[in-house]
Amino acid sequence: MKPAAEKKLRVYISGPLFTWAERAFNEQVSAFFEERGYETFLPQRDGLLLADLLSRGMTEQEALERIFILDVKTIADCDLFLFNFDGRVPDEGACVELGIAFAKEKRCIGLKTDCRTLMAGLDNPLLLGPLEGRIARSIAELDRFL
């Protein structure tokens, strides 16, 4: 009898994904976790894209609802939630996803390689709270929080 395969821990990677540079960075973050044996959900790669759903004949409302439902379900099923702070301001979708992850009592960690803030050098306390001080300043530094 073969031993049961060990289940990989799942990481939801949240953050901006609208430019080539953002998507490339997200792929690097995903590769970091995958090299350590994690399974990752990267919305730009594994999620639903609004343009694709609209091109298949869905209404905008149907498409938006489908994306929301998939992301919420995937967050509920993850073991670890990564919040990428980078950008002039944190991505609003990622902020909502962080709130969902926190409400579902997921372990949340942050990644912030961008020095910009809006509050005199501080980040929003409502974003910092769910992370409980677990904020890496580089991809390599994420190892501290695994």
Protein backbone atom coordinates (compact mmCIF):
# COMPACT_ATOMS: atom_id res chain seq x y z
CA MET A 1 0.00 0.00 0.00
CA LYS A 2 1.40 3.39 -1.04
CA PRO A 3 1.56 6.11 1.61
CA ALA A 4 -0.82 9.00 1.06
CA ALA A 5 0.77 11.90 -0.74
CA GLU A 6 1.50 14.79 1.57
CA LYS A 7 -0.84 17.70 0.91
CA LYS A 8 0.93 20.86 -0.16
CA LEU A 9 0.16 24.02 1.75
CA ARG A 10 -1.64 26.58 -0.41
CA VAL A 11 -0.66 30.25 -0.67
CA TYR A 12 -2.95 32.91 -2.10
CA ILE A 13 -0.79 35.67 -3.62
CA SER A 14 -2.57 39.00 -3.58
CA GLY A 15 -1.43 42.27 -5.07
CA PRO A 16 -1.44 44.50 -8.12
CA LEU A 17 -1.47 42.69 -11.47
CA PHE A 18 -2.18 45.29 -14.11
CA THR A 19 1.24 46.02 -15.60
CA TRP A 20 3.84 43.73 -17.11
CA ALA A 21 6.22 44.58 -14.25
CA GLU A 22 3.60 43.76 -11.58
CA ARG A 23 2.75 40.44 -13.21
CA ALA A 24 6.45 39.54 -13.59
CA PHE A 25 7.08 40.33 -9.91
CA ASN A 26 4.07 38.24 -8.90
CA GLU A 27 5.49 35.31 -10.89
CA GLN A 28 8.77 35.67 -8.97
CA VAL A 29 6.87 35.58 -5.67
CA SER A 30 4.95 32.51 -6.81
CA ALA A 31 8.18 30.77 -7.88
CA PHE A 32 9.68 31.51 -4.44
CA PHE A 33 6.84 29.62 -2.72
CA GLU A 34 6.72 26.82 -5.29
CA GLU A 35 10.47 26.20 -4.87
CA ARG A 36 9.74 25.62 -1.18
CA GLY A 37 7.00 23.07 -1.89
CA TYR A 38 3.93 25.29 -1.64
CA GLU A 39 1.05 25.31 -4.09
CA THR A 40 0.20 28.86 -5.14
CA PHE A 41 -2.87 30.65 -6.40
CA LEU A 42 -1.88 33.63 -8.47
CA PRO A 43 -5.02 35.46 -9.64
CA GLN A 44 -3.39 36.66 -12.89
CA ARG A 45 -2.53 33.06 -13.79
CA ASP A 46 -5.08 30.90 -11.98
CA GLY A 47 -8.06 33.20 -11.62
CA LEU A 48 -10.61 34.55 -14.01
CA LEU A 49 -9.98 37.58 -16.20
CA LEU A 50 -12.76 40.08 -16.79
CA ALA A 51 -11.95 40.53 -20.49
CA ASP A 52 -12.05 36.75 -21.08
CA LEU A 53 -15.42 36.37 -19.38
CA LEU A 54 -16.90 39.30 -21.29
CA SER A 55 -15.63 37.87 -24.58
CA ARG A 56 -17.51 34.64 -23.77
CA GLY A 57 -20.78 36.56 -23.66
CA MET A 58 -21.19 37.15 -19.93
CA THR A 59 -22.63 40.42 -18.80
CA GLU A 60 -20.32 42.65 -16.82
CA GLN A 61 -22.27 41.91 -13.63
CA GLU A 62 -22.09 38.14 -14.19
CA ALA A 63 -18.36 38.32 -14.86
CA LEU A 64 -17.62 40.46 -11.80
CA GLU A 65 -19.65 38.13 -9.59
CA ARG A 66 -17.89 35.05 -10.95
CA ILE A 67 -14.46 36.58 -10.26
CA PHE A 68 -15.46 37.60 -6.74
CA ILE A 69 -16.89 34.17 -5.90
CA LEU A 70 -13.78 32.32 -7.14
CA ASP A 71 -11.40 34.60 -5.24
CA VAL A 72 -13.37 34.38 -1.99
CA LYS A 73 -13.57 30.58 -2.24
CA THR A 74 -9.87 30.31 -3.00
CA ILE A 75 -8.97 32.53 -0.05
CA ALA A 76 -11.17 30.34 2.18
CA ASP A 77 -9.28 27.27 0.96
CA CYS A 78 -5.76 28.67 1.37
CA ASP A 79 -3.39 28.00 4.26
CA LEU A 80 -1.39 31.21 3.93
CA PHE A 81 -2.29 34.60 2.48
CA LEU A 82 0.37 36.91 1.02
CA PHE A 83 -0.45 40.62 0.77
CA ASN A 84 1.76 42.61 -1.60
CA PHE A 85 1.81 46.26 -0.49
CA ASP A 86 3.77 47.53 -3.50
CA GLY A 87 2.44 50.46 -5.50
CA ARG A 88 1.86 54.16 -4.83
CA VAL A 89 -1.04 52.90 -2.71
CA PRO A 90 -1.85 49.23 -2.02
CA ASP A 91 -4.10 47.67 -4.65
CA GLU A 92 -7.75 48.09 -3.56
CA GLY A 93 -8.68 44.54 -4.59
CA ALA A 94 -5.77 43.16 -2.58
CA CYS A 95 -6.94 45.21 0.42
CA VAL A 96 -10.39 43.60 0.26
CA GLU A 97 -8.78 40.17 -0.15
CA LEU A 98 -6.65 40.81 2.95
CA GLY A 99 -9.80 41.67 4.90
CA ILE A 100 -11.48 38.47 3.73
CA ALA A 101 -8.41 36.40 4.64
CA PHE A 102 -8.22 37.97 8.10
CA ALA A 103 -11.95 37.44 8.69
CA LYS A 104 -11.49 33.78 7.74
CA GLU A 105 -8.62 33.55 10.26
CA LYS A 106 -5.96 32.82 7.67
CA ARG A 107 -2.30 33.38 8.49
CA CYS A 108 -1.43 36.60 6.66
CA ILE A 109 2.00 37.88 5.74
CA GLY A 110 3.00 41.02 3.89
CA LEU A 111 5.58 41.86 1.27
CA LYS A 112 6.64 45.46 0.84
CA THR A 113 9.57 46.34 -1.39
CA ASP A 114 8.18 49.82 -2.15
CA CYS A 115 9.16 52.65 0.21
CA ARG A 116 6.17 54.89 -0.60
CA THR A 117 3.49 55.52 2.03
CA LEU A 118 0.67 58.01 2.41
CA MET A 119 0.81 58.51 6.18
CA ALA A 120 4.13 60.22 7.02
CA GLY A 121 6.15 57.05 6.52
CA LEU A 122 3.53 54.73 8.02
CA ASP A 123 1.18 52.25 6.43
CA ASN A 124 -2.53 52.12 7.13
CA PRO A 125 -3.16 50.42 10.51
CA LEU A 126 -6.07 48.48 9.00
CA LEU A 127 -3.60 46.82 6.64
CA LEU A 128 -0.94 46.30 9.28
CA GLY A 129 -3.27 44.71 11.85
CA PRO A 130 -3.95 41.42 10.03
CA LEU A 131 -0.23 41.01 9.32
CA GLU A 132 0.81 41.19 13.00
CA GLY A 133 4.28 42.48 12.11
CA ARG A 134 4.92 39.81 9.48
CA ILE A 135 6.10 42.06 6.63
CA ALA A 136 9.06 41.06 4.47
CA ARG A 137 11.05 43.76 2.67
CA SER A 138 12.21 41.40 -0.10
CA ILE A 139 11.15 38.09 -1.61
CA ALA A 140 14.08 36.34 0.08
CA GLU A 141 13.04 37.74 3.47
CA LEU A 142 9.70 35.90 3.22
CA ASP A 143 11.55 32.83 4.56
CA ARG A 144 11.45 34.48 8.02
CA PHE A 145 7.68 34.09 8.14
CA LEU A 146 7.22 30.56 6.81
